[in-house]
C-alpha atoms as a PDB file:
ATOM      1  CA  MET A   1      27.831  17.045 -21.593  1.00  0.00           C
ATOM      2  CA  ARG A   2      24.683  19.105 -22.077  1.00  0.00           C
ATOM      3  CA  LEU A   3      26.690  22.329 -22.496  1.00  0.00           C
ATOM      4  CA  LEU A   4      28.841  20.644 -25.132  1.00  0.00           C
ATOM      5  CA  GLY A   5      25.759  19.547 -27.004  1.00  0.00           C
ATOM      6  CA  LEU A   6      26.498  15.841 -26.627  1.00  0.00           C
ATOM      7  CA  ASP A   7      23.670  13.346 -26.886  1.00  0.00           C
ATOM      8  CA  LEU A   8      22.451  11.929 -23.591  1.00  0.00           C
ATOM      9  CA  SER A   9      21.526   8.246 -23.739  1.00  0.00           C
ATOM     10  CA  SER A  10      19.805   5.848 -21.350  1.00  0.00           C
ATOM     11  CA  THR A  11      23.231   4.475 -20.417  1.00  0.00           C
ATOM     12  CA  THR A  12      24.376   7.927 -19.293  1.00  0.00           C
ATOM     13  CA  PHE A  13      21.430   8.354 -16.947  1.00  0.00           C
ATOM     14  CA  LEU A  14      21.698   4.778 -15.685  1.00  0.00           C
ATOM     15  CA  SER A  15      25.269   5.498 -14.581  1.00  0.00           C
ATOM     16  CA  PHE A  16      24.247   8.627 -12.675  1.00  0.00           C
ATOM     17  CA  LEU A  17      21.101   7.154 -11.114  1.00  0.00           C
ATOM     18  CA  SER A  18      23.012   4.146  -9.753  1.00  0.00           C
ATOM     19  CA  THR A  19      25.231   6.455  -7.659  1.00  0.00           C
ATOM     20  CA  SER A  20      24.323   8.018  -4.295  1.00  0.00           C
ATOM     21  CA  ILE A  21      22.876  11.232  -5.715  1.00  0.00           C
ATOM     22  CA  LEU A  22      20.769  13.710  -3.758  1.00  0.00           C
ATOM     23  CA  LEU A  23      17.001  13.693  -4.202  1.00  0.00           C
ATOM     24  CA  ARG A  24      17.005  17.069  -5.980  1.00  0.00           C
ATOM     25  CA  GLN A  25      19.632  15.728  -8.390  1.00  0.00           C
ATOM     26  CA  GLY A  26      17.510  12.649  -8.972  1.00  0.00           C
ATOM     27  CA  LEU A  27      14.487  14.845  -9.693  1.00  0.00           C
ATOM     28  CA  SER A  28      16.555  16.782 -12.217  1.00  0.00           C
ATOM     29  CA  MET A  29      17.630  13.516 -13.860  1.00  0.00           C
ATOM     30  CA  HIS A  30      14.025  12.353 -14.061  1.00  0.00           C
ATOM     31  CA  CYS A  31      12.990  15.637 -15.704  1.00  0.00           C
ATOM     32  CA  CYS A  32      15.719  15.266 -18.321  1.00  0.00           C
ATOM     33  CA  VAL A  33      14.777  11.646 -18.981  1.00  0.00           C
ATOM     34  CA  PHE A  34      11.130  12.669 -19.388  1.00  0.00           C
ATOM     35  CA  LYS A  35      11.899  15.602 -21.717  1.00  0.00           C
ATOM     36  CA  LEU A  36      14.141  13.431 -23.897  1.00  0.00           C
ATOM     37  CA  GLY A  37      11.437  10.777 -24.137  1.00  0.00           C
ATOM     38  CA  LEU A  38      13.804   8.047 -22.969  1.00  0.00           C
ATOM     39  CA  LEU A  39      11.059   6.299 -20.994  1.00  0.00           C
ATOM     40  CA  ASN A  40       9.127   5.743 -24.220  1.00  0.00           C
ATOM     41  CA  THR A  41      11.837   3.846 -26.111  1.00  0.00           C
ATOM     42  CA  TYR A  42      11.946   0.081 -26.682  1.00  0.00           C
ATOM     43  CA  ASP A  43      14.722  -0.327 -24.100  1.00  0.00           C
ATOM     44  CA  HIS A  44      13.122   1.904 -21.458  1.00  0.00           C
ATOM     45  CA  ILE A  45      12.704  -0.755 -18.735  1.00  0.00           C
ATOM     46  CA  PRO A  46      16.203  -0.626 -17.121  1.00  0.00           C
ATOM     47  CA  LEU A  47      16.084   3.182 -17.010  1.00  0.00           C
ATOM     48  CA  ALA A  48      12.559   3.230 -15.574  1.00  0.00           C
ATOM     49  CA  ASN A  49      13.642   0.732 -12.907  1.00  0.00           C
ATOM     50  CA  ALA A  50      16.624   2.933 -12.029  1.00  0.00           C
ATOM     51  CA  VAL A  51      14.397   6.008 -11.621  1.00  0.00           C
ATOM     52  CA  MET A  52      11.995   3.978  -9.456  1.00  0.00           C
ATOM     53  CA  SER A  53      14.869   2.767  -7.266  1.00  0.00           C
ATOM     54  CA  MET A  54      16.105   6.340  -6.861  1.00  0.00           C
ATOM     55  CA  TYR A  55      12.716   7.503  -5.571  1.00  0.00           C
ATOM     56  CA  ILE A  56      12.377   4.498  -3.261  1.00  0.00           C
ATOM     57  CA  ARG A  57      15.780   5.231  -1.695  1.00  0.00           C
ATOM     58  CA  TYR A  58      14.291   8.502  -0.485  1.00  0.00           C
ATOM     59  CA  GLY A  59      10.957   7.003   0.583  1.00  0.00           C
ATOM     60  CA  GLN A  60       9.056   8.487  -2.370  1.00  0.00           C
ATOM     61  CA  VAL A  61       7.229   5.246  -3.185  1.00  0.00           C
ATOM     62  CA  HIS A  62       4.200   7.069  -4.639  1.00  0.00           C
ATOM     63  CA  GLU A  63       6.487   8.604  -7.292  1.00  0.00           C
ATOM     64  CA  ALA A  64       7.939   5.182  -8.069  1.00  0.00           C
ATOM     65  CA  ARG A  65       4.413   3.783  -8.353  1.00  0.00           C
ATOM     66  CA  ALA A  66       3.489   6.532 -10.839  1.00  0.00           C
ATOM     67  CA  ILE A  67       6.394   5.482 -13.048  1.00  0.00           C
ATOM     68  CA  LEU A  68       5.378   1.822 -12.850  1.00  0.00           C
ATOM     69  CA  ASP A  69       1.796   2.702 -13.807  1.00  0.00           C
ATOM     70  CA  SER A  70       3.036   4.615 -16.865  1.00  0.00           C
ATOM     71  CA  MET A  71       5.215   1.773 -18.182  1.00  0.00           C
ATOM     72  CA  HIS A  72       3.818  -0.021 -21.238  1.00  0.00           C
ATOM     73  CA  GLU A  73       5.927  -3.067 -20.416  1.00  0.00           C
ATOM     74  CA  ILE A  74       6.838  -4.186 -16.889  1.00  0.00           C
ATOM     75  CA  SER A  75       9.634  -6.607 -16.040  1.00  0.00           C
ATOM     76  CA  VAL A  76       9.954  -8.822 -12.975  1.00  0.00           C
ATOM     77  CA  VAL A  77      12.644  -6.408 -11.732  1.00  0.00           C
ATOM     78  CA  SER A  78      10.096  -3.584 -11.930  1.00  0.00           C
ATOM     79  CA  TRP A  79       7.606  -5.558  -9.838  1.00  0.00           C
ATOM     80  CA  SER A  80      10.327  -6.540  -7.336  1.00  0.00           C
ATOM     81  CA  THR A  81      11.428  -2.916  -7.025  1.00  0.00           C
ATOM     82  CA  ILE A  82       7.988  -1.519  -6.202  1.00  0.00           C
ATOM     83  CA  ILE A  83       7.053  -4.415  -3.888  1.00  0.00           C
ATOM     84  CA  GLY A  84      10.352  -4.024  -2.028  1.00  0.00           C
ATOM     85  CA  GLY A  85       9.778  -0.278  -1.808  1.00  0.00           C
ATOM     86  CA  TYR A  86       6.414  -0.735  -0.124  1.00  0.00           C
ATOM     87  CA  VAL A  87       7.805  -3.318   2.322  1.00  0.00           C
ATOM     88  CA  ASN A  88      10.813  -1.175   3.248  1.00  0.00           C
ATOM     89  CA  THR A  89       8.609   1.837   3.957  1.00  0.00           C
ATOM     90  CA  GLY A  90       6.269  -0.225   6.139  1.00  0.00           C
ATOM     91  CA  ASN A  91       3.324  -0.361   3.724  1.00  0.00           C
ATOM     92  CA  VAL A  92       2.959  -4.133   3.666  1.00  0.00           C
ATOM     93  CA  ASP A  93      -0.685  -4.030   2.538  1.00  0.00           C
ATOM     94  CA  GLU A  94       0.283  -2.207  -0.660  1.00  0.00           C
ATOM     95  CA  ALA A  95       3.159  -4.646  -1.204  1.00  0.00           C
ATOM     96  CA  PHE A  96       0.768  -7.604  -1.197  1.00  0.00           C
ATOM     97  CA  SER A  97      -1.720  -5.639  -3.300  1.00  0.00           C
ATOM     98  CA  MET A  98       0.967  -5.093  -5.949  1.00  0.00           C
ATOM     99  CA  PHE A  99       1.900  -8.762  -5.786  1.00  0.00           C
ATOM    100  CA  ASN A 100      -1.719  -9.746  -6.427  1.00  0.00           C
ATOM    101  CA  ILE A 101      -1.926  -7.280  -9.322  1.00  0.00           C
ATOM    102  CA  MET A 102       1.265  -8.761 -10.761  1.00  0.00           C
ATOM    103  CA  ARG A 103      -0.191 -12.259 -10.623  1.00  0.00           C
ATOM    104  CA  THR A 104      -3.453 -11.066 -12.190  1.00  0.00           C
ATOM    105  CA  ILE A 105      -2.274  -8.937 -15.125  1.00  0.00           C
ATOM    106  CA  SER A 106       1.202 -10.281 -15.777  1.00  0.00           C
ATOM    107  CA  THR A 107       2.431 -13.545 -17.257  1.00  0.00           C
ATOM    108  CA  ILE A 108       5.722 -13.101 -15.404  1.00  0.00           C
ATOM    109  CA  ASN A 109       6.509 -15.746 -12.806  1.00  0.00           C
ATOM    110  CA  SER A 110       7.423 -14.555  -9.325  1.00  0.00           C
ATOM    111  CA  ASP A 111      11.165 -14.572  -8.863  1.00  0.00           C
ATOM    112  CA  PHE A 112      13.508 -14.983  -5.935  1.00  0.00           C
ATOM    113  CA  VAL A 113      13.645 -11.268  -5.065  1.00  0.00           C
ATOM    114  CA  VAL A 114       9.850 -10.845  -5.114  1.00  0.00           C
ATOM    115  CA  PHE A 115       9.504 -13.637  -2.558  1.00  0.00           C
ATOM    116  CA  ILE A 116      12.324 -12.247  -0.414  1.00  0.00           C
ATOM    117  CA  ASN A 117      10.501  -8.910  -0.165  1.00  0.00           C
ATOM    118  CA  LEU A 118       7.155 -10.570   0.598  1.00  0.00           C
ATOM    119  CA  ILE A 119       8.689 -12.765   3.314  1.00  0.00           C
ATOM    120  CA  LYS A 120      10.108  -9.628   4.933  1.00  0.00           C
ATOM    121  CA  GLY A 121       6.638  -8.097   4.754  1.00  0.00           C
ATOM    122  CA  CYS A 122       5.036 -11.117   6.448  1.00  0.00           C
ATOM    123  CA  ALA A 123       7.684 -11.032   9.168  1.00  0.00           C
ATOM    124  CA  LYS A 124       6.986  -7.342   9.820  1.00  0.00           C
ATOM    125  CA  ARG A 125       3.251  -7.895  10.081  1.00  0.00           C
ATOM    126  CA  GLY A 126       3.442 -11.167  12.046  1.00  0.00           C
ATOM    127  CA  SER A 127       0.439 -12.723  10.291  1.00  0.00           C
ATOM    128  CA  LEU A 128       0.735 -16.511  10.478  1.00  0.00           C
ATOM    129  CA  LEU A 129      -2.093 -17.029   7.960  1.00  0.00           C
ATOM    130  CA  GLU A 130      -0.350 -14.876   5.347  1.00  0.00           C
ATOM    131  CA  ALA A 131       2.988 -16.510   6.167  1.00  0.00           C
ATOM    132  CA  SER A 132       1.591 -20.011   5.593  1.00  0.00           C
ATOM    133  CA  SER A 133      -0.127 -18.975   2.340  1.00  0.00           C
ATOM    134  CA  LEU A 134       3.056 -17.363   1.046  1.00  0.00           C
ATOM    135  CA  HIS A 135       5.119 -20.426   1.954  1.00  0.00           C
ATOM    136  CA  SER A 136       2.671 -22.629   0.025  1.00  0.00           C
ATOM    137  CA  LEU A 137       3.009 -20.386  -3.023  1.00  0.00           C
ATOM    138  CA  ILE A 138       6.808 -20.472  -2.788  1.00  0.00           C
ATOM    139  CA  PHE A 139       6.622 -24.265  -2.681  1.00  0.00           C
ATOM    140  CA  LYS A 140       4.359 -24.362  -5.765  1.00  0.00           C
ATOM    141  CA  CYS A 141       6.767 -22.108  -7.669  1.00  0.00           C
ATOM    142  CA  GLY A 142       9.675 -24.435  -6.876  1.00  0.00           C
ATOM    143  CA  CYS A 143      11.662 -21.835  -4.957  1.00  0.00           C
ATOM    144  CA  GLU A 144      11.706 -23.702  -1.624  1.00  0.00           C
ATOM    145  CA  ASN A 145      14.875 -25.101  -0.025  1.00  0.00           C
ATOM    146  CA  LYS A 146      17.159 -22.345  -1.294  1.00  0.00           C
ATOM    147  CA  ASP A 147      19.553 -20.893   1.257  1.00  0.00           C
ATOM    148  CA  PRO A 148      18.459 -17.219   1.434  1.00  0.00           C
ATOM    149  CA  LEU A 149      14.755 -18.112   1.334  1.00  0.00           C
ATOM    150  CA  ASP A 150      15.148 -20.842   3.972  1.00  0.00           C
ATOM    151  CA  ASN A 151      16.733 -18.379   6.365  1.00  0.00           C
ATOM    152  CA  LEU A 152      14.059 -15.747   5.752  1.00  0.00           C
ATOM    153  CA  LEU A 153      11.212 -18.271   5.994  1.00  0.00           C
ATOM    154  CA  LEU A 154      12.559 -19.526   9.306  1.00  0.00           C
ATOM    155  CA  GLY A 155      12.808 -15.979  10.646  1.00  0.00           C
ATOM    156  CA  MET A 156       9.322 -15.192   9.340  1.00  0.00           C
ATOM    157  CA  TYR A 157       7.758 -18.117  11.200  1.00  0.00           C
ATOM    158  CA  ALA A 158       9.700 -17.251  14.363  1.00  0.00           C
ATOM    159  CA  LYS A 159       8.371 -13.672  14.278  1.00  0.00           C
ATOM    160  CA  CYS A 160       4.852 -15.012  13.685  1.00  0.00           C
ATOM    161  CA  GLY A 161       5.251 -17.185  16.802  1.00  0.00           C
ATOM    162  CA  ASP A 162       5.128 -20.521  14.949  1.00  0.00           C
ATOM    163  CA  LEU A 163       8.374 -22.154  16.028  1.00  0.00           C
ATOM    164  CA  ILE A 164       7.195 -25.626  15.007  1.00  0.00           C
ATOM    165  CA  SER A 165       6.994 -24.511  11.351  1.00  0.00           C
ATOM    166  CA  ALA A 166      10.304 -22.692  11.786  1.00  0.00           C
ATOM    167  CA  ARG A 167      11.875 -25.948  12.944  1.00  0.00           C
ATOM    168  CA  LYS A 168      10.391 -27.785   9.934  1.00  0.00           C
ATOM    169  CA  VAL A 169      12.024 -25.269   7.588  1.00  0.00           C
ATOM    170  CA  PHE A 170      15.306 -25.807   9.419  1.00  0.00           C
ATOM    171  CA  ASP A 171      15.055 -29.608   9.245  1.00  0.00           C
ATOM    172  CA  MET A 172      14.222 -29.597   5.516  1.00  0.00           C
ATOM    173  CA  ALA A 173      16.958 -27.126   4.524  1.00  0.00           C
ATOM    174  CA  ASN A 174      19.542 -28.553   2.143  1.00  0.00           C
ATOM    175  CA  ALA A 175      22.401 -26.780   3.905  1.00  0.00           C
ATOM    176  CA  LYS A 176      22.507 -25.873   7.593  1.00  0.00           C
ATOM    177  CA  THR A 177      24.336 -22.555   7.212  1.00  0.00           C
ATOM    178  CA  VAL A 178      25.532 -20.422  10.114  1.00  0.00           C
ATOM    179  CA  PHE A 179      22.707 -17.970   9.308  1.00  0.00           C
ATOM    180  CA  LEU A 180      20.136 -20.764   9.576  1.00  0.00           C
ATOM    181  CA  TRP A 181      21.547 -21.926  12.914  1.00  0.00           C
ATOM    182  CA  THR A 182      21.545 -18.335  14.195  1.00  0.00           C
ATOM    183  CA  SER A 183      17.896 -17.843  13.195  1.00  0.00           C
ATOM    184  CA  ILE A 184      16.627 -21.035  14.840  1.00  0.00           C
ATOM    185  CA  ILE A 185      18.595 -20.395  18.038  1.00  0.00           C
ATOM    186  CA  SER A 186      17.443 -16.770  18.164  1.00  0.00           C
ATOM    187  CA  GLY A 187      13.814 -17.749  17.584  1.00  0.00           C
ATOM    188  CA  HIS A 188      13.863 -20.183  20.501  1.00  0.00           C
ATOM    189  CA  GLY A 189      16.061 -18.035  22.724  1.00  0.00           C
ATOM    190  CA  ASN A 190      13.755 -15.023  22.594  1.00  0.00           C
ATOM    191  CA  TYR A 191      11.053 -16.928  24.495  1.00  0.00           C
ATOM    192  CA  VAL A 192      13.492 -18.095  27.180  1.00  0.00           C
ATOM    193  CA  LEU A 193      14.860 -14.569  27.555  1.00  0.00           C
ATOM    194  CA  MET A 194      11.364 -13.090  27.784  1.00  0.00           C
ATOM    195  CA  ALA A 195      10.305 -15.580  30.463  1.00  0.00           C
ATOM    196  CA  ASN A 196      13.440 -14.870  32.504  1.00  0.00           C
ATOM    197  CA  LEU A 197      12.954 -11.094  32.231  1.00  0.00           C
ATOM    198  CA  TYR A 198       9.357 -11.338  33.446  1.00  0.00           C
ATOM    199  CA  THR A 199      10.505 -13.515  36.360  1.00  0.00           C
ATOM    200  CA  SER A 200      13.272 -11.095  37.361  1.00  0.00           C
ATOM    201  CA  MET A 201      10.730  -8.234  37.326  1.00  0.00           C
ATOM    202  CA  GLY A 202       8.313 -10.183  39.508  1.00  0.00           C
ATOM    203  CA  LYS A 203       5.716 -10.417  36.727  1.00  0.00           C
ATOM    204  CA  TRP A 204       4.796 -14.004  37.504  1.00  0.00           C
ATOM    205  CA  LYS A 205       1.591 -14.046  35.439  1.00  0.00           C
ATOM    206  CA  GLU A 206       3.388 -12.878  32.284  1.00  0.00           C
ATOM    207  CA  ALA A 207       6.219 -15.347  32.913  1.00  0.00           C
ATOM    208  CA  ALA A 208       3.705 -18.187  33.266  1.00  0.00           C
ATOM    209  CA  VAL A 209       1.959 -17.180  30.018  1.00  0.00           C
ATOM    210  CA  THR A 210       5.297 -17.110  28.176  1.00  0.00           C
ATOM    211  CA  ARG A 211       6.293 -20.535  29.476  1.00  0.00           C
ATOM    212  CA  SER A 212       2.844 -21.836  28.522  1.00  0.00           C
ATOM    213  CA  LEU A 213       3.402 -20.508  24.994  1.00  0.00           C
ATOM    214  CA  MET A 214       6.736 -22.331  24.904  1.00  0.00           C
ATOM    215  CA  ILE A 215       4.991 -25.601  25.761  1.00  0.00           C
ATOM    216  CA  ASP A 216       2.164 -25.012  23.245  1.00  0.00           C
ATOM    217  CA  ARG A 217       4.671 -24.318  20.465  1.00  0.00           C
ATOM    218  CA  GLY A 218       6.764 -27.375  21.157  1.00  0.00           C
ATOM    219  CA  LEU A 219       9.741 -25.593  22.687  1.00  0.00           C
ATOM    220  CA  ILE A 220      12.022 -27.618  24.908  1.00  0.00           C
ATOM    221  CA  LYS A 221      14.276 -25.564  27.111  1.00  0.00           C
ATOM    222  CA  ALA A 222      17.774 -27.019  26.919  1.00  0.00           C
ATOM    223  CA  PRO A 223      19.236 -27.731  30.381  1.00  0.00           C
ATOM    224  CA  GLY A 224      22.352 -25.918  31.473  1.00  0.00           C
ATOM    225  CA  TRP A 225      25.606 -27.828  31.364  1.00  0.00           C
ATOM    226  CA  SER A 226      29.300 -27.460  32.081  1.00  0.00           C
ATOM    227  CA  GLN A 227      32.444 -29.511  31.698  1.00  0.00           C
ATOM    228  CA  ILE A 228      35.849 -29.874  33.299  1.00  0.00           C
ATOM    229  CA  GLU A 229      38.958 -31.759  32.252  1.00  0.00           C
ATOM    230  CA  ILE A 230      40.717 -33.791  34.975  1.00  0.00           C
ATOM    231  CA  SER A 231      43.729 -35.963  34.183  1.00  0.00           C
ATOM    232  CA  SER A 232      43.025 -35.845  30.418  1.00  0.00           C
ATOM    233  CA  SER A 233      39.439 -36.988  31.051  1.00  0.00           C
ATOM    234  CA  VAL A 234      36.527 -34.662  30.246  1.00  0.00           C
ATOM    235  CA  ASN A 235      33.669 -34.696  32.764  1.00  0.00           C
ATOM    236  CA  VAL A 236      30.336 -33.243  31.606  1.00  0.00           C
ATOM    237  CA  PHE A 237      27.670 -32.075  34.063  1.00  0.00           C
ATOM    238  CA  ILE A 238      24.055 -31.403  33.049  1.00  0.00           C
ATOM    239  CA  ALA A 239      21.478 -29.717  35.284  1.00  0.00           C
ATOM    240  CA  GLY A 240      19.348 -32.331  37.059  1.00  0.00           C
ATOM    241  CA  ASP A 241      21.434 -35.244  35.771  1.00  0.00           C
ATOM    242  CA  ARG A 242      22.759 -37.823  38.262  1.00  0.00           C
ATOM    243  CA  SER A 243      24.245 -40.334  35.821  1.00  0.00           C
ATOM    244  CA  HIS A 244      27.864 -39.484  36.695  1.00  0.00           C
ATOM    245  CA  THR A 245      29.613 -42.366  38.466  1.00  0.00           C
ATOM    246  CA  GLN A 246      30.570 -40.058  41.348  1.00  0.00           C
ATOM    247  CA  SER A 247      27.316 -38.087  41.463  1.00  0.00           C
ATOM    248  CA  ILE A 248      26.614 -38.958  45.146  1.00  0.00           C
ATOM    249  CA  ASP A 249      30.001 -37.602  46.250  1.00  0.00           C
ATOM    250  CA  ILE A 250      29.691 -34.581  43.947  1.00  0.00           C
ATOM    251  CA  TYR A 251      26.275 -33.545  45.270  1.00  0.00           C
ATOM    252  CA  LYS A 252      27.423 -34.100  48.877  1.00  0.00           C
ATOM    253  CA  LEU A 253      30.380 -31.782  48.264  1.00  0.00           C
ATOM    254  CA  LEU A 254      28.113 -29.170  46.659  1.00  0.00           C
ATOM    255  CA  GLU A 255      25.801 -29.272  49.691  1.00  0.00           C
ATOM    256  CA  ASP A 256      28.775 -28.711  52.000  1.00  0.00           C
ATOM    257  CA  ILE A 257      29.945 -25.761  49.877  1.00  0.00           C
ATOM    258  CA  ASN A 258      26.457 -24.214  49.880  1.00  0.00           C
ATOM    259  CA  LEU A 259      26.256 -24.531  53.681  1.00  0.00           C
ATOM    260  CA  LYS A 260      29.609 -22.783  54.101  1.00  0.00           C
ATOM    261  CA  LEU A 261      28.532 -20.020  51.703  1.00  0.00           C
ATOM    262  CA  ALA A 262      25.290 -19.532  53.650  1.00  0.00           C
ATOM    263  CA  GLU A 263      27.231 -19.345  56.926  1.00  0.00           C
ATOM    264  CA  ALA A 264      29.420 -16.663  55.359  1.00  0.00           C
ATOM    265  CA  GLY A 265      26.299 -14.615  54.561  1.00  0.00           C
ATOM    266  CA  TYR A 266      26.123 -15.272  50.814  1.00  0.00           C
ATOM    267  CA  VAL A 267      22.614 -14.940  49.317  1.00  0.00           C
ATOM    268  CA  PRO A 268      22.383 -16.213  45.716  1.00  0.00           C
ATOM    269  CA  GLU A 269      20.436 -14.242  43.079  1.00  0.00           C
ATOM    270  CA  THR A 270      18.279 -16.908  41.427  1.00  0.00           C
ATOM    271  CA  ASP A 271      15.606 -14.836  39.684  1.00  0.00           C
ATOM    272  CA  THR A 272      17.339 -14.931  36.308  1.00  0.00           C
ATOM    273  CA  VAL A 273      18.930 -18.363  36.499  1.00  0.00           C
ATOM    274  CA  LYS A 274      18.318 -20.147  33.178  1.00  0.00           C
ATOM    275  CA  HIS A 275      18.654 -23.745  34.394  1.00  0.00           C
END
C-alpha cells in the first residue's frame, strides 16, 4: 500500500495491530502511526488502545504507559488496558496506582473489565484488606452479583484465605454456575489436601496448624460416603454414621473382615485417608 502511494488510515493500522504480529513489526507500525500523526486526530483513541495492547502482549508495559500519558483523551478501555497490562506482568502496585489515578483525574466510571483486572491483582497479592476494600467499591458501583465477577471474587477471597467471605459470595450469587461451584469446592479442598499432604510426610505440626486454620475459617470437612444398590434399594453409608437399620450387623461383619485381613498380613496405609 505504501509503495502504491495509497493513504494509510487508522482503520488500516487497527486491522494489522489486532493480528499476531511480531514485536519488530509492531514497532514499525507504531513509527508509521506516529509519523502520520494518527494519534493526534479526533478519533485516535481506538488506535492508541490497539498500540498499547500490542506492547502489553510483549510485556512492554512501560511503552504502553508512555502512550497513555501522551493521550489528550483517555477512554475506559484505555484505563482497562494499562491496568490489565500491569496485573498480567505482575506489577500489581502499579495497577492499583493507575486505578487510583483514574478515579482522581477522570470522570469515567469503573467498568466491568477494570474490576476483573483488579480482582486478579488482589488474588495474586493475597491481601485480604485490599480484597475487602475492592469488593466494597464494586458493591457501591452496582457491579456485584454478576456471573464473571462473582466467580473471580470467590476465587480472590479463597486465595486470600478468607473462605467465609468466599462462601458469602457463593450464597449471594444469582446463578450457581459450574465455574462458581468449582471455585468454592477448590477453595475448600486445597486446605484438606494440604493437611493430608503434611500428615503423609510426617509433618504433624504443619498439619495441626492447617487443620486449626480450617476451624478458624469456618471450614467443615465433609465426611466420606459410599452407596450400594441391593434389590433396587439404594443404601448410603457415611463415615461415623450408625443410623442404618442394620448397622450393628454391618460393623460386626467389617470387624471380621479386618481381622481376616490382618491375619493374612495386610497393613493398611492410613496416612492419607480423607475420612
